[in-house]
Amino acid sequence: MHELSLMEGMVQGIQEEALRQGFTKVHQVRLEVGRLAGVEVEALRFAFGPTTEGTLLEGARLEILELPGRGHCQTCGEAVEIETRFDLCPACGDGFVVLTSGTEMRVKDLDVD
């Protein structure tokens, strides 16, 4: 389950940022996770509790915002929403779609003291 190591890295990054910015407690974390990021959202949720124990994130709320996959069709030129990396263009049904978003995973914002 690579989501555990992803969450550990996120917690470590937030703690490093706390040292730089001087905050001592995190109350809420909002993550943006693209549907095409190859990340299981429920596994991320599950990993959050154990990875935050004993840290300044312990007891914080986790909100995950799932972002759609988007791309640009090379045949018809439309900007389209897609469900998988290899979807044909939903507008023309024929075109190869180049991904433009939906693979990201990042901390959107934090509520801190």
C-alpha atoms as a PDB file:
ATOM      1  CA  MET A   1       0.000   0.000   0.000  1.00  0.00           C
ATOM      2  CA  HIS A   2       1.993   2.994  -1.260  1.00  0.00           C
ATOM      3  CA  GLU A   3      -0.614   5.375   0.167  1.00  0.00           C
ATOM      4  CA  LEU A   4       0.950   4.858   3.610  1.00  0.00           C
ATOM      5  CA  SER A   5       4.343   6.080   2.390  1.00  0.00           C
ATOM      6  CA  LEU A   6       2.675   8.963   0.525  1.00  0.00           C
ATOM      7  CA  MET A   7       0.913  10.022   3.718  1.00  0.00           C
ATOM      8  CA  GLU A   8       4.122   9.679   5.746  1.00  0.00           C
ATOM      9  CA  GLY A   9       5.873  11.972   3.270  1.00  0.00           C
ATOM     10  CA  MET A  10       3.055  14.498   3.440  1.00  0.00           C
ATOM     11  CA  VAL A  11       3.151  14.526   7.263  1.00  0.00           C
ATOM     12  CA  GLN A  12       6.920  14.966   7.229  1.00  0.00           C
ATOM     13  CA  GLY A  13       6.618  17.837   4.740  1.00  0.00           C
ATOM     14  CA  ILE A  14       4.002  19.599   6.861  1.00  0.00           C
ATOM     15  CA  GLN A  15       6.152  19.227   9.977  1.00  0.00           C
ATOM     16  CA  GLU A  16       9.137  20.714   8.129  1.00  0.00           C
ATOM     17  CA  GLU A  17       6.961  23.616   6.994  1.00  0.00           C
ATOM     18  CA  ALA A  18       5.804  24.102  10.608  1.00  0.00           C
ATOM     19  CA  LEU A  19       9.424  24.620  11.635  1.00  0.00           C
ATOM     20  CA  ARG A  20       9.923  27.205   8.876  1.00  0.00           C
ATOM     21  CA  GLN A  21       6.685  29.095   9.507  1.00  0.00           C
ATOM     22  CA  GLY A  22       6.361  28.636  13.264  1.00  0.00           C
ATOM     23  CA  PHE A  23       2.991  26.941  13.587  1.00  0.00           C
ATOM     24  CA  THR A  24       2.568  24.346  16.331  1.00  0.00           C
ATOM     25  CA  LYS A  25      -0.748  22.633  15.670  1.00  0.00           C
ATOM     26  CA  VAL A  26      -2.620  21.519  12.543  1.00  0.00           C
ATOM     27  CA  HIS A  27      -6.414  21.360  12.849  1.00  0.00           C
ATOM     28  CA  GLN A  28      -7.304  20.502   9.254  1.00  0.00           C
ATOM     29  CA  VAL A  29      -5.525  19.331   6.118  1.00  0.00           C
ATOM     30  CA  ARG A  30      -7.118  19.672   2.691  1.00  0.00           C
ATOM     31  CA  LEU A  31      -5.586  17.536  -0.033  1.00  0.00           C
ATOM     32  CA  GLU A  32      -6.265  17.660  -3.744  1.00  0.00           C
ATOM     33  CA  VAL A  33      -6.002  14.256  -5.394  1.00  0.00           C
ATOM     34  CA  GLY A  34      -6.556  13.754  -9.101  1.00  0.00           C
ATOM     35  CA  ARG A  35      -8.631  10.748 -10.177  1.00  0.00           C
ATOM     36  CA  LEU A  36      -5.807   9.707 -12.482  1.00  0.00           C
ATOM     37  CA  ALA A  37      -3.074   9.968  -9.827  1.00  0.00           C
ATOM     38  CA  GLY A  38      -3.030   6.232  -9.144  1.00  0.00           C
ATOM     39  CA  VAL A  39      -3.881   6.815  -5.491  1.00  0.00           C
ATOM     40  CA  GLU A  40      -6.619   5.031  -3.555  1.00  0.00           C
ATOM     41  CA  VAL A  41      -8.406   7.803  -1.651  1.00  0.00           C
ATOM     42  CA  GLU A  42      -9.843   5.509   1.026  1.00  0.00           C
ATOM     43  CA  ALA A  43      -6.380   4.075   1.711  1.00  0.00           C
ATOM     44  CA  LEU A  44      -5.091   7.647   2.158  1.00  0.00           C
ATOM     45  CA  ARG A  45      -7.873   8.315   4.658  1.00  0.00           C
ATOM     46  CA  PHE A  46      -7.018   5.123   6.524  1.00  0.00           C
ATOM     47  CA  ALA A  47      -3.289   5.983   6.622  1.00  0.00           C
ATOM     48  CA  PHE A  48      -3.857   9.505   7.970  1.00  0.00           C
ATOM     49  CA  GLY A  49      -4.615   8.511  11.586  1.00  0.00           C
ATOM     50  CA  PRO A  50      -1.622   6.224  12.205  1.00  0.00           C
ATOM     51  CA  THR A  51       0.871   8.508  10.428  1.00  0.00           C
ATOM     52  CA  THR A  52      -0.175  11.583  12.418  1.00  0.00           C
ATOM     53  CA  GLU A  53       0.027   9.998  15.885  1.00  0.00           C
ATOM     54  CA  GLY A  54       2.524  11.852  18.052  1.00  0.00           C
ATOM     55  CA  THR A  55       2.873  14.718  15.552  1.00  0.00           C
ATOM     56  CA  LEU A  56       1.473  18.235  15.385  1.00  0.00           C
ATOM     57  CA  LEU A  57      -1.180  16.785  13.047  1.00  0.00           C
ATOM     58  CA  GLU A  58      -2.569  14.347  15.618  1.00  0.00           C
ATOM     59  CA  GLY A  59      -6.338  14.819  15.877  1.00  0.00           C
ATOM     60  CA  ALA A  60      -6.529  16.939  12.710  1.00  0.00           C
ATOM     61  CA  ARG A  61      -9.353  16.537  10.208  1.00  0.00           C
ATOM     62  CA  LEU A  62      -8.504  15.356   6.718  1.00  0.00           C
ATOM     63  CA  GLU A  63     -10.522  16.576   3.756  1.00  0.00           C
ATOM     64  CA  ILE A  64      -9.740  15.106   0.351  1.00  0.00           C
ATOM     65  CA  LEU A  65     -10.905  16.962  -2.746  1.00  0.00           C
ATOM     66  CA  GLU A  66     -11.011  14.624  -5.728  1.00  0.00           C
ATOM     67  CA  LEU A  67     -10.165  16.356  -8.985  1.00  0.00           C
ATOM     68  CA  PRO A  68     -11.436  15.066 -12.332  1.00  0.00           C
ATOM     69  CA  GLY A  69      -9.181  13.912 -15.118  1.00  0.00           C
ATOM     70  CA  ARG A  70      -9.036  16.432 -17.946  1.00  0.00           C
ATOM     71  CA  GLY A  71      -7.409  16.422 -21.309  1.00  0.00           C
ATOM     72  CA  HIS A  72      -7.199  17.933 -24.767  1.00  0.00           C
ATOM     73  CA  CYS A  73      -8.317  15.910 -27.793  1.00  0.00           C
ATOM     74  CA  GLN A  74      -5.715  15.830 -30.557  1.00  0.00           C
ATOM     75  CA  THR A  75      -8.401  15.112 -33.186  1.00  0.00           C
ATOM     76  CA  CYS A  76     -11.264  17.524 -32.494  1.00  0.00           C
ATOM     77  CA  GLY A  77      -9.445  20.006 -30.250  1.00  0.00           C
ATOM     78  CA  GLU A  78     -11.976  19.841 -27.405  1.00  0.00           C
ATOM     79  CA  ALA A  79     -11.051  20.140 -23.745  1.00  0.00           C
ATOM     80  CA  VAL A  80     -12.724  17.111 -22.144  1.00  0.00           C
ATOM     81  CA  GLU A  81     -13.152  15.305 -18.841  1.00  0.00           C
ATOM     82  CA  ILE A  82     -11.936  11.704 -18.829  1.00  0.00           C
ATOM     83  CA  GLU A  83     -12.209   8.789 -16.402  1.00  0.00           C
ATOM     84  CA  THR A  84      -9.036   6.847 -17.294  1.00  0.00           C
ATOM     85  CA  ARG A  85      -5.699   7.697 -18.897  1.00  0.00           C
ATOM     86  CA  PHE A  86      -6.591   5.849 -22.086  1.00  0.00           C
ATOM     87  CA  ASP A  87     -10.137   7.073 -22.696  1.00  0.00           C
ATOM     88  CA  LEU A  88     -11.074   8.064 -26.198  1.00  0.00           C
ATOM     89  CA  CYS A  89     -12.386  11.577 -26.570  1.00  0.00           C
ATOM     90  CA  PRO A  90     -15.969  11.732 -25.231  1.00  0.00           C
ATOM     91  CA  ALA A  91     -16.715  14.616 -27.625  1.00  0.00           C
ATOM     92  CA  CYS A  92     -15.772  12.960 -30.920  1.00  0.00           C
ATOM     93  CA  GLY A  93     -15.332   9.336 -29.811  1.00  0.00           C
ATOM     94  CA  ASP A  94     -12.224   8.987 -31.886  1.00  0.00           C
ATOM     95  CA  GLY A  95      -9.418  11.160 -30.713  1.00  0.00           C
ATOM     96  CA  PHE A  96      -6.338  10.605 -28.651  1.00  0.00           C
ATOM     97  CA  VAL A  97      -6.589  12.691 -25.463  1.00  0.00           C
ATOM     98  CA  VAL A  98      -3.490  14.315 -23.985  1.00  0.00           C
ATOM     99  CA  LEU A  99      -3.799  14.688 -20.195  1.00  0.00           C
ATOM    100  CA  THR A 100      -3.810  18.229 -18.848  1.00  0.00           C
ATOM    101  CA  SER A 101      -4.815  17.539 -15.222  1.00  0.00           C
ATOM    102  CA  GLY A 102      -6.013  14.856 -12.865  1.00  0.00           C
ATOM    103  CA  THR A 103      -2.667  13.303 -11.910  1.00  0.00           C
ATOM    104  CA  GLU A 104      -1.825  15.684  -9.092  1.00  0.00           C
ATOM    105  CA  MET A 105      -1.663  15.078  -5.349  1.00  0.00           C
ATOM    106  CA  ARG A 106      -0.919  18.113  -3.230  1.00  0.00           C
ATOM    107  CA  VAL A 107      -1.751  19.867   0.021  1.00  0.00           C
ATOM    108  CA  LYS A 108      -4.249  22.560  -0.899  1.00  0.00           C
ATOM    109  CA  ASP A 109      -4.278  24.284   2.482  1.00  0.00           C
ATOM    110  CA  LEU A 110      -3.967  23.857   6.228  1.00  0.00           C
ATOM    111  CA  ASP A 111      -5.804  25.234   9.245  1.00  0.00           C
ATOM    112  CA  VAL A 112      -3.071  25.821  11.844  1.00  0.00           C
ATOM    113  CA  ASP A 113      -2.160  27.588  15.100  1.00  0.00           C
END
